[in-house]
Amino acid sequence: MPDERYEYYRGLLVDPDPATRWKGAEALGRLGDPRAVDDLIGALQDEDRLVRKKAVWALGSIGDSRAIPPLRALYRTEGPEIQDLIREVQQMLLHAASGRR
């Protein structure tokens, strides 16, 4: 069953409706499957601000340090609300990565 949910949520990221895309990003974050990292990194480029915000949150929930460079790039183009979230997520990811060494 987890594979079915993962594939379903992953498919939501490419839906024409932004509300469906952000729900997909949120669901992938809650699922916590590291396979979603690349798709969520792609969602950081979504035209919809809320989709990008949910993708940032989801990447933080999954906790994979591969997200750090794309988050740094996104930081330069976002407003204060998403920048604050990116800072929080990067701190979590850096802390998690330093604990694995």
PDB file of N, CA and C in Angstrom:
ATOM      1  N   MET A   1       0.803  -1.218   0.000  1.00  0.00           N
ATOM      2  CA  MET A   1       0.000   0.000   0.000  1.00  0.00           C
ATOM      3  C   MET A   1       0.843   1.278   0.000  1.00  0.00           C
ATOM      4  N   PRO A   2       1.958   1.363   0.741  1.00  0.00           N
ATOM      5  CA  PRO A   2       2.734   2.606   0.720  1.00  0.00           C
ATOM      6  C   PRO A   2       3.195   3.002  -0.679  1.00  0.00           C
ATOM      7  N   ASP A   3       3.569   2.020  -1.527  1.00  0.00           N
ATOM      8  CA  ASP A   3       3.992   2.353  -2.885  1.00  0.00           C
ATOM      9  C   ASP A   3       2.857   2.975  -3.687  1.00  0.00           C
ATOM     10  N   GLU A   4       1.654   2.472  -3.500  1.00  0.00           N
ATOM     11  CA  GLU A   4       0.498   3.025  -4.209  1.00  0.00           C
ATOM     12  C   GLU A   4       0.260   4.464  -3.780  1.00  0.00           C
ATOM     13  N   ARG A   5       0.342   4.732  -2.492  1.00  0.00           N
ATOM     14  CA  ARG A   5       0.131   6.103  -2.005  1.00  0.00           C
ATOM     15  C   ARG A   5       1.221   7.028  -2.534  1.00  0.00           C
ATOM     16  N   TYR A   6       2.463   6.561  -2.483  1.00  0.00           N
ATOM     17  CA  TYR A   6       3.578   7.369  -2.984  1.00  0.00           C
ATOM     18  C   TYR A   6       3.337   7.747  -4.442  1.00  0.00           C
ATOM     19  N   GLU A   7       3.030   6.795  -5.282  1.00  0.00           N
ATOM     20  CA  GLU A   7       2.812   7.063  -6.707  1.00  0.00           C
ATOM     21  C   GLU A   7       1.616   7.989  -6.922  1.00  0.00           C
ATOM     22  N   TYR A   8       0.566   7.794  -6.146  1.00  0.00           N
ATOM     23  CA  TYR A   8      -0.617   8.649  -6.266  1.00  0.00           C
ATOM     24  C   TYR A   8      -0.260  10.100  -5.912  1.00  0.00           C
ATOM     25  N   TYR A   9       0.375  10.299  -4.759  1.00  0.00           N
ATOM     26  CA  TYR A   9       0.745  11.655  -4.334  1.00  0.00           C
ATOM     27  C   TYR A   9       1.731  12.298  -5.300  1.00  0.00           C
ATOM     28  N   ARG A  10       2.646  11.502  -5.790  1.00  0.00           N
ATOM     29  CA  ARG A  10       3.625  11.987  -6.760  1.00  0.00           C
ATOM     30  C   ARG A  10       2.923  12.492  -8.017  1.00  0.00           C
ATOM     31  N   GLY A  11       1.918  11.776  -8.452  1.00  0.00           N
ATOM     32  CA  GLY A  11       1.143  12.186  -9.620  1.00  0.00           C
ATOM     33  C   GLY A  11       0.408  13.495  -9.421  1.00  0.00           C
ATOM     34  N   LEU A  12       0.048  13.803  -8.180  1.00  0.00           N
ATOM     35  CA  LEU A  12      -0.652  15.059  -7.901  1.00  0.00           C
ATOM     36  C   LEU A  12       0.231  16.271  -8.189  1.00  0.00           C
ATOM     37  N   LEU A  13       1.544  16.107  -8.118  1.00  0.00           N
ATOM     38  CA  LEU A  13       2.455  17.238  -8.333  1.00  0.00           C
ATOM     39  C   LEU A  13       2.401  17.798  -9.755  1.00  0.00           C
ATOM     40  N   VAL A  14       1.861  17.036 -10.687  1.00  0.00           N
ATOM     41  CA  VAL A  14       1.800  17.505 -12.074  1.00  0.00           C
ATOM     42  C   VAL A  14       0.370  17.836 -12.510  1.00  0.00           C
ATOM     43  N   ASP A  15      -0.542  17.887 -11.565  1.00  0.00           N
ATOM     44  CA  ASP A  15      -1.933  18.227 -11.871  1.00  0.00           C
ATOM     45  C   ASP A  15      -2.020  19.685 -12.337  1.00  0.00           C
ATOM     46  N   PRO A  16      -2.939  19.992 -13.245  1.00  0.00           N
ATOM     47  CA  PRO A  16      -3.087  21.387 -13.686  1.00  0.00           C
ATOM     48  C   PRO A  16      -3.538  22.336 -12.560  1.00  0.00           C
ATOM     49  N   ASP A  17      -4.224  21.821 -11.562  1.00  0.00           N
ATOM     50  CA  ASP A  17      -4.757  22.650 -10.477  1.00  0.00           C
ATOM     51  C   ASP A  17      -3.704  22.848  -9.381  1.00  0.00           C
ATOM     52  N   PRO A  18      -3.326  24.101  -9.096  1.00  0.00           N
ATOM     53  CA  PRO A  18      -2.316  24.345  -8.064  1.00  0.00           C
ATOM     54  C   PRO A  18      -2.708  23.787  -6.694  1.00  0.00           C
ATOM     55  N   ALA A  19      -3.985  23.820  -6.353  1.00  0.00           N
ATOM     56  CA  ALA A  19      -4.417  23.295  -5.053  1.00  0.00           C
ATOM     57  C   ALA A  19      -4.137  21.797  -4.963  1.00  0.00           C
ATOM     58  N   THR A  20      -4.303  21.095  -6.052  1.00  0.00           N
ATOM     59  CA  THR A  20      -4.002  19.663  -6.072  1.00  0.00           C
ATOM     60  C   THR A  20      -2.495  19.438  -5.948  1.00  0.00           C
ATOM     61  N   ARG A  21      -1.709  20.291  -6.620  1.00  0.00           N
ATOM     62  CA  ARG A  21      -0.249  20.145  -6.545  1.00  0.00           C
ATOM     63  C   ARG A  21       0.264  20.382  -5.127  1.00  0.00           C
ATOM     64  N   TRP A  22      -0.251  21.411  -4.450  1.00  0.00           N
ATOM     65  CA  TRP A  22       0.268  21.640  -3.091  1.00  0.00           C
ATOM     66  C   TRP A  22      -0.199  20.555  -2.135  1.00  0.00           C
ATOM     67  N   LYS A  23      -1.379  20.009  -2.367  1.00  0.00           N
ATOM     68  CA  LYS A  23      -1.818  18.881  -1.531  1.00  0.00           C
ATOM     69  C   LYS A  23      -0.926  17.664  -1.760  1.00  0.00           C
ATOM     70  N   GLY A  24      -0.495  17.463  -3.005  1.00  0.00           N
ATOM     71  CA  GLY A  24       0.433  16.368  -3.304  1.00  0.00           C
ATOM     72  C   GLY A  24       1.769  16.554  -2.605  1.00  0.00           C
ATOM     73  N   ALA A  25       2.285  17.780  -2.623  1.00  0.00           N
ATOM     74  CA  ALA A  25       3.557  18.061  -1.949  1.00  0.00           C
ATOM     75  C   ALA A  25       3.425  17.831  -0.448  1.00  0.00           C
ATOM     76  N   GLU A  26       2.330  18.308   0.123  1.00  0.00           N
ATOM     77  CA  GLU A  26       2.122  18.113   1.560  1.00  0.00           C
ATOM     78  C   GLU A  26       2.007  16.628   1.898  1.00  0.00           C
ATOM     79  N   ALA A  27       1.262  15.891   1.091  1.00  0.00           N
ATOM     80  CA  ALA A  27       1.086  14.460   1.342  1.00  0.00           C
ATOM     81  C   ALA A  27       2.419  13.716   1.242  1.00  0.00           C
ATOM     82  N   LEU A  28       3.246  14.084   0.277  1.00  0.00           N
ATOM     83  CA  LEU A  28       4.560  13.438   0.154  1.00  0.00           C
ATOM     84  C   LEU A  28       5.427  13.747   1.373  1.00  0.00           C
ATOM     85  N   GLY A  29       5.341  14.957   1.878  1.00  0.00           N
ATOM     86  CA  GLY A  29       6.087  15.304   3.086  1.00  0.00           C
ATOM     87  C   GLY A  29       5.625  14.494   4.280  1.00  0.00           C
ATOM     88  N   ARG A  30       4.326  14.316   4.402  1.00  0.00           N
ATOM     89  CA  ARG A  30       3.784  13.522   5.516  1.00  0.00           C
ATOM     90  C   ARG A  30       4.153  12.042   5.369  1.00  0.00           C
ATOM     91  N   LEU A  31       4.210  11.583   4.137  1.00  0.00           N
ATOM     92  CA  LEU A  31       4.584  10.192   3.894  1.00  0.00           C
ATOM     93  C   LEU A  31       6.051   9.957   4.266  1.00  0.00           C
ATOM     94  N   GLY A  32       6.886  10.955   4.015  1.00  0.00           N
ATOM     95  CA  GLY A  32       8.282  10.879   4.431  1.00  0.00           C
ATOM     96  C   GLY A  32       9.155   9.951   3.606  1.00  0.00           C
ATOM     97  N   ASP A  33       8.736   9.634   2.411  1.00  0.00           N
ATOM     98  CA  ASP A  33       9.487   8.711   1.553  1.00  0.00           C
ATOM     99  C   ASP A  33      10.598   9.473   0.823  1.00  0.00           C
ATOM    100  N   PRO A  34      11.854   9.092   1.037  1.00  0.00           N
ATOM    101  CA  PRO A  34      12.959   9.800   0.384  1.00  0.00           C
ATOM    102  C   PRO A  34      12.929   9.749  -1.137  1.00  0.00           C
ATOM    103  N   ARG A  35      12.181   8.823  -1.711  1.00  0.00           N
ATOM    104  CA  ARG A  35      12.076   8.781  -3.179  1.00  0.00           C
ATOM    105  C   ARG A  35      11.430  10.051  -3.721  1.00  0.00           C
ATOM    106  N   ALA A  36      10.703  10.780  -2.879  1.00  0.00           N
ATOM    107  CA  ALA A  36       9.986  11.974  -3.322  1.00  0.00           C
ATOM    108  C   ALA A  36      10.880  13.210  -3.424  1.00  0.00           C
ATOM    109  N   VAL A  37      12.109  13.124  -2.930  1.00  0.00           N
ATOM    110  CA  VAL A  37      12.973  14.308  -2.867  1.00  0.00           C
ATOM    111  C   VAL A  37      13.151  14.956  -4.237  1.00  0.00           C
ATOM    112  N   ASP A  38      13.477  14.188  -5.265  1.00  0.00           N
ATOM    113  CA  ASP A  38      13.708  14.777  -6.586  1.00  0.00           C
ATOM    114  C   ASP A  38      12.451  15.452  -7.134  1.00  0.00           C
ATOM    115  N   ASP A  39      11.292  14.825  -6.939  1.00  0.00           N
ATOM    116  CA  ASP A  39      10.041  15.432  -7.410  1.00  0.00           C
ATOM    117  C   ASP A  39       9.742  16.716  -6.642  1.00  0.00           C
ATOM    118  N   LEU A  40      10.006  16.716  -5.347  1.00  0.00           N
ATOM    119  CA  LEU A  40       9.760  17.906  -4.541  1.00  0.00           C
ATOM    120  C   LEU A  40      10.744  19.021  -4.878  1.00  0.00           C
ATOM    121  N   ILE A  41      11.979  18.651  -5.192  1.00  0.00           N
ATOM    122  CA  ILE A  41      12.941  19.659  -5.651  1.00  0.00           C
ATOM    123  C   ILE A  41      12.422  20.294  -6.946  1.00  0.00           C
ATOM    124  N   GLY A  42      11.856  19.486  -7.820  1.00  0.00           N
ATOM    125  CA  GLY A  42      11.243  20.023  -9.038  1.00  0.00           C
ATOM    126  C   GLY A  42      10.092  20.964  -8.731  1.00  0.00           C
ATOM    127  N   ALA A  43       9.319  20.646  -7.696  1.00  0.00           N
ATOM    128  CA  ALA A  43       8.177  21.481  -7.318  1.00  0.00           C
ATOM    129  C   ALA A  43       8.608  22.839  -6.761  1.00  0.00           C
ATOM    130  N   LEU A  44       9.870  22.968  -6.384  1.00  0.00           N
ATOM    131  CA  LEU A  44      10.364  24.272  -5.930  1.00  0.00           C
ATOM    132  C   LEU A  44      10.317  25.307  -7.056  1.00  0.00           C
ATOM    133  N   GLN A  45      10.203  24.834  -8.301  1.00  0.00           N
ATOM    134  CA  GLN A  45      10.130  25.732  -9.461  1.00  0.00           C
ATOM    135  C   GLN A  45       8.691  25.969  -9.920  1.00  0.00           C
ATOM    136  N   ASP A  46       7.725  25.472  -9.165  1.00  0.00           N
ATOM    137  CA  ASP A  46       6.320  25.627  -9.558  1.00  0.00           C
ATOM    138  C   ASP A  46       5.965  27.107  -9.661  1.00  0.00           C
ATOM    139  N   GLU A  47       5.042  27.413 -10.573  1.00  0.00           N
ATOM    140  CA  GLU A  47       4.609  28.804 -10.747  1.00  0.00           C
ATOM    141  C   GLU A  47       3.796  29.307  -9.551  1.00  0.00           C
ATOM    142  N   ASP A  48       3.215  28.400  -8.783  1.00  0.00           N
ATOM    143  CA  ASP A  48       2.355  28.773  -7.658  1.00  0.00           C
ATOM    144  C   ASP A  48       3.164  28.858  -6.356  1.00  0.00           C
ATOM    145  N   ARG A  49       3.052  29.986  -5.669  1.00  0.00           N
ATOM    146  CA  ARG A  49       3.813  30.215  -4.445  1.00  0.00           C
ATOM    147  C   ARG A  49       3.499  29.193  -3.371  1.00  0.00           C
ATOM    148  N   LEU A  50       2.229  28.822  -3.211  1.00  0.00           N
ATOM    149  CA  LEU A  50       1.859  27.860  -2.171  1.00  0.00           C
ATOM    150  C   LEU A  50       2.419  26.470  -2.467  1.00  0.00           C
ATOM    151  N   VAL A  51       2.482  26.105  -3.716  1.00  0.00           N
ATOM    152  CA  VAL A  51       3.091  24.815  -4.085  1.00  0.00           C
ATOM    153  C   VAL A  51       4.566  24.826  -3.687  1.00  0.00           C
ATOM    154  N   ARG A  52       5.254  25.927  -3.995  1.00  0.00           N
ATOM    155  CA  ARG A  52       6.676  26.032  -3.622  1.00  0.00           C
ATOM    156  C   ARG A  52       6.832  25.962  -2.103  1.00  0.00           C
ATOM    157  N   LYS A  53       5.965  26.651  -1.390  1.00  0.00           N
ATOM    158  CA  LYS A  53       6.037  26.652   0.080  1.00  0.00           C
ATOM    159  C   LYS A  53       5.831  25.244   0.645  1.00  0.00           C
ATOM    160  N   LYS A  54       4.840  24.540   0.133  1.00  0.00           N
ATOM    161  CA  LYS A  54       4.590  23.171   0.602  1.00  0.00           C
ATOM    162  C   LYS A  54       5.744  22.244   0.237  1.00  0.00           C
ATOM    163  N   ALA A  55       6.362  22.475  -0.918  1.00  0.00           N
ATOM    164  CA  ALA A  55       7.511  21.651  -1.310  1.00  0.00           C
ATOM    165  C   ALA A  55       8.679  21.885  -0.352  1.00  0.00           C
ATOM    166  N   VAL A  56       8.905  23.142   0.051  1.00  0.00           N
ATOM    167  CA  VAL A  56       9.959  23.438   1.030  1.00  0.00           C
ATOM    168  C   VAL A  56       9.667  22.693   2.325  1.00  0.00           C
ATOM    169  N   TRP A  57       8.435  22.804   2.803  1.00  0.00           N
ATOM    170  CA  TRP A  57       8.053  22.129   4.044  1.00  0.00           C
ATOM    171  C   TRP A  57       8.244  20.613   3.929  1.00  0.00           C
ATOM    172  N   ALA A  58       7.795  20.057   2.802  1.00  0.00           N
ATOM    173  CA  ALA A  58       7.882  18.606   2.601  1.00  0.00           C
ATOM    174  C   ALA A  58       9.334  18.142   2.585  1.00  0.00           C
ATOM    175  N   LEU A  59      10.205  18.905   1.946  1.00  0.00           N
ATOM    176  CA  LEU A  59      11.627  18.539   1.925  1.00  0.00           C
ATOM    177  C   LEU A  59      12.203  18.550   3.334  1.00  0.00           C
ATOM    178  N   GLY A  60      11.777  19.493   4.145  1.00  0.00           N
ATOM    179  CA  GLY A  60      12.207  19.506   5.541  1.00  0.00           C
ATOM    180  C   GLY A  60      11.691  18.307   6.308  1.00  0.00           C
ATOM    181  N   SER A  61      10.468  17.908   6.017  1.00  0.00           N
ATOM    182  CA  SER A  61       9.879  16.744   6.700  1.00  0.00           C
ATOM    183  C   SER A  61      10.608  15.459   6.345  1.00  0.00           C
ATOM    184  N   ILE A  62      11.029  15.346   5.107  1.00  0.00           N
ATOM    185  CA  ILE A  62      11.743  14.140   4.675  1.00  0.00           C
ATOM    186  C   ILE A  62      13.168  14.139   5.220  1.00  0.00           C
ATOM    187  N   GLY A  63      13.788  15.310   5.262  1.00  0.00           N
ATOM    188  CA  GLY A  63      15.094  15.430   5.911  1.00  0.00           C
ATOM    189  C   GLY A  63      16.286  14.965   5.109  1.00  0.00           C
ATOM    190  N   ASP A  64      16.240  15.120   3.798  1.00  0.00           N
ATOM    191  CA  ASP A  64      17.343  14.696   2.936  1.00  0.00           C
ATOM    192  C   ASP A  64      18.191  15.910   2.551  1.00  0.00           C
ATOM    193  N   SER A  65      19.472  15.851   2.820  1.00  0.00           N
ATOM    194  CA  SER A  65      20.351  16.997   2.586  1.00  0.00           C
ATOM    195  C   SER A  65      20.540  17.330   1.104  1.00  0.00           C
ATOM    196  N   ARG A  66      20.109  16.461   0.199  1.00  0.00           N
ATOM    197  CA  ARG A  66      20.176  16.795  -1.237  1.00  0.00           C
ATOM    198  C   ARG A  66      19.359  18.045  -1.550  1.00  0.00           C
ATOM    199  N   ALA A  67      18.432  18.393  -0.668  1.00  0.00           N
ATOM    200  CA  ALA A  67      17.561  19.544  -0.902  1.00  0.00           C
ATOM    201  C   ALA A  67      18.253  20.876  -0.605  1.00  0.00           C
ATOM    202  N   ILE A  68      19.382  20.866   0.071  1.00  0.00           N
ATOM    203  CA  ILE A  68      20.000  22.128   0.505  1.00  0.00           C
ATOM    204  C   ILE A  68      20.385  23.042  -0.668  1.00  0.00           C
ATOM    205  N   PRO A  69      21.126  22.577  -1.679  1.00  0.00           N
ATOM    206  CA  PRO A  69      21.473  23.502  -2.783  1.00  0.00           C
ATOM    207  C   PRO A  69      20.254  24.100  -3.503  1.00  0.00           C
ATOM    208  N   PRO A  70      19.224  23.302  -3.841  1.00  0.00           N
ATOM    209  CA  PRO A  70      18.061  23.921  -4.494  1.00  0.00           C
ATOM    210  C   PRO A  70      17.312  24.896  -3.570  1.00  0.00           C
ATOM    211  N   LEU A  71      17.315  24.608  -2.272  1.00  0.00           N
ATOM    212  CA  LEU A  71      16.668  25.536  -1.344  1.00  0.00           C
ATOM    213  C   LEU A  71      17.434  26.851  -1.285  1.00  0.00           C
ATOM    214  N   ARG A  72      18.747  26.780  -1.306  1.00  0.00           N
ATOM    215  CA  ARG A  72      19.561  28.009  -1.309  1.00  0.00           C
ATOM    216  C   ARG A  72      19.282  28.832  -2.562  1.00  0.00           C
ATOM    217  N   ALA A  73      19.139  28.167  -3.687  1.00  0.00           N
ATOM    218  CA  ALA A  73      18.839  28.875  -4.940  1.00  0.00           C
ATOM    219  C   ALA A  73      17.463  29.529  -4.873  1.00  0.00           C
ATOM    220  N   LEU A  74      16.486  28.826  -4.333  1.00  0.00           N
ATOM    221  CA  LEU A  74      15.130  29.358  -4.224  1.00  0.00           C
ATOM    222  C   LEU A  74      15.084  30.555  -3.282  1.00  0.00           C
ATOM    223  N   TYR A  75      15.883  30.516  -2.240  1.00  0.00           N
ATOM    224  CA  TYR A  75      15.900  31.580  -1.237  1.00  0.00           C
ATOM    225  C   TYR A  75      16.082  32.957  -1.884  1.00  0.00           C
ATOM    226  N   ARG A  76      16.915  33.026  -2.899  1.00  0.00           N
ATOM    227  CA  ARG A  76      17.228  34.305  -3.544  1.00  0.00           C
ATOM    228  C   ARG A  76      16.049  34.915  -4.293  1.00  0.00           C
ATOM    229  N   THR A  77      15.052  34.102  -4.631  1.00  0.00           N
ATOM    230  CA  THR A  77      13.943  34.607  -5.458  1.00  0.00           C
ATOM    231  C   THR A  77      12.615  34.692  -4.719  1.00  0.00           C
ATOM    232  N   GLU A  78      12.583  34.276  -3.449  1.00  0.00           N
ATOM    233  CA  GLU A  78      11.324  34.246  -2.707  1.00  0.00           C
ATOM    234  C   GLU A  78      11.170  35.441  -1.773  1.00  0.00           C
ATOM    235  N   GLY A  79       9.932  35.634  -1.325  1.00  0.00           N
ATOM    236  CA  GLY A  79       9.632  36.675  -0.354  1.00  0.00           C
ATOM    237  C   GLY A  79       9.947  36.220   1.061  1.00  0.00           C
ATOM    238  N   PRO A  80       9.774  37.126   2.029  1.00  0.00           N
ATOM    239  CA  PRO A  80      10.164  36.857   3.421  1.00  0.00           C
ATOM    240  C   PRO A  80       9.510  35.623   4.049  1.00  0.00           C
ATOM    241  N   GLU A  81       8.257  35.359   3.760  1.00  0.00           N
ATOM    242  CA  GLU A  81       7.566  34.216   4.376  1.00  0.00           C
ATOM    243  C   GLU A  81       8.235  32.892   3.992  1.00  0.00           C
ATOM    244  N   ILE A  82       8.462  32.712   2.714  1.00  0.00           N
ATOM    245  CA  ILE A  82       9.085  31.462   2.262  1.00  0.00           C
ATOM    246  C   ILE A  82      10.572  31.449   2.638  1.00  0.00           C
ATOM    247  N   GLN A  83      11.222  32.604   2.620  1.00  0.00           N
ATOM    248  CA  GLN A  83      12.621  32.669   3.050  1.00  0.00           C
ATOM    249  C   GLN A  83      12.770  32.200   4.498  1.00  0.00           C
ATOM    250  N   ASP A  84      11.848  32.615   5.364  1.00  0.00           N
ATOM    251  CA  ASP A  84      11.889  32.174   6.766  1.00  0.00           C
ATOM    252  C   ASP A  84      11.786  30.659   6.862  1.00  0.00           C
ATOM    253  N   LEU A  85      10.853  30.089   6.100  1.00  0.00           N
ATOM    254  CA  LEU A  85      10.676  28.634   6.105  1.00  0.00           C
ATOM    255  C   LEU A  85      11.921  27.934   5.559  1.00  0.00           C
ATOM    256  N   ILE A  86      12.494  28.484   4.498  1.00  0.00           N
ATOM    257  CA  ILE A  86      13.707  27.891   3.928  1.00  0.00           C
ATOM    258  C   ILE A  86      14.831  27.888   4.963  1.00  0.00           C
ATOM    259  N   ARG A  87      14.993  28.985   5.699  1.00  0.00           N
ATOM    260  CA  ARG A  87      16.035  29.032   6.736  1.00  0.00           C
ATOM    261  C   ARG A  87      15.818  27.939   7.779  1.00  0.00           C
ATOM    262  N   GLU A  88      14.573  27.785   8.230  1.00  0.00           N
ATOM    263  CA  GLU A  88      14.261  26.741   9.219  1.00  0.00           C
ATOM    264  C   GLU A  88      14.590  25.353   8.682  1.00  0.00           C
ATOM    265  N   VAL A  89      14.147  25.086   7.466  1.00  0.00           N
ATOM    266  CA  VAL A  89      14.356  23.770   6.858  1.00  0.00           C
ATOM    267  C   VAL A  89      15.848  23.500   6.662  1.00  0.00           C
ATOM    268  N   GLN A  90      16.584  24.500   6.184  1.00  0.00           N
ATOM    269  CA  GLN A  90      18.026  24.307   5.987  1.00  0.00           C
ATOM    270  C   GLN A  90      18.721  24.001   7.309  1.00  0.00           C
ATOM    271  N   GLN A  91      18.331  24.683   8.373  1.00  0.00           N
ATOM    272  CA  GLN A  91      18.929  24.408   9.683  1.00  0.00           C
ATOM    273  C   GLN A  91      18.656  22.971  10.103  1.00  0.00           C
ATOM    274  N   MET A  92      17.421  22.524   9.904  1.00  0.00           N
ATOM    275  CA  MET A  92      17.072  21.135  10.250  1.00  0.00           C
ATOM    276  C   MET A  92      17.900  20.157   9.428  1.00  0.00           C
ATOM    277  N   LEU A  93      18.019  20.410   8.133  1.00  0.00           N
ATOM    278  CA  LEU A  93      18.743  19.503   7.250  1.00  0.00           C
ATOM    279  C   LEU A  93      20.231  19.478   7.583  1.00  0.00           C
ATOM    280  N   LEU A  94      20.801  20.639   7.841  1.00  0.00           N
ATOM    281  CA  LEU A  94      22.225  20.698   8.199  1.00  0.00           C
ATOM    282  C   LEU A  94      22.486  20.012   9.526  1.00  0.00           C
ATOM    283  N   HIS A  95      21.585  20.196  10.480  1.00  0.00           N
ATOM    284  CA  HIS A  95      21.717  19.542  11.779  1.00  0.00           C
ATOM    285  C   HIS A  95      21.624  18.017  11.617  1.00  0.00           C
ATOM    286  N   ALA A  96      20.650  17.567  10.828  1.00  0.00           N
ATOM    287  CA  ALA A  96      20.486  16.127  10.603  1.00  0.00           C
ATOM    288  C   ALA A  96      21.721  15.545   9.898  1.00  0.00           C
ATOM    289  N   ALA A  97      22.240  16.281   8.917  1.00  0.00           N
ATOM    290  CA  ALA A  97      23.413  15.796   8.177  1.00  0.00           C
ATOM    291  C   ALA A  97      24.636  15.729   9.077  1.00  0.00           C
ATOM    292  N   SER A  98      24.803  16.681   9.977  1.00  0.00           N
ATOM    293  CA  SER A  98      25.973  16.659  10.858  1.00  0.00           C
ATOM    294  C   SER A  98      25.866  15.541  11.884  1.00  0.00           C
ATOM    295  N   GLY A  99      24.655  15.116  12.218  1.00  0.00           N
ATOM    296  CA  GLY A  99      24.464  14.010  13.151  1.00  0.00           C
ATOM    297  C   GLY A  99      24.757  12.656  12.547  1.00  0.00           C
ATOM    298  N   ARG A 100      24.786  12.565  11.223  1.00  0.00           N
ATOM    299  CA  ARG A 100      25.029  11.287  10.542  1.00  0.00           C
ATOM    300  C   ARG A 100      26.506  11.017  10.332  1.00  0.00           C
ATOM    301  N   ARG A 101      27.341  11.993  10.584  1.00  0.00           N
ATOM    302  CA  ARG A 101      28.783  11.810  10.328  1.00  0.00           C
ATOM    303  C   ARG A 101      29.445  11.030  11.420  1.00  0.00           C
TER     304      ARG A 101
END
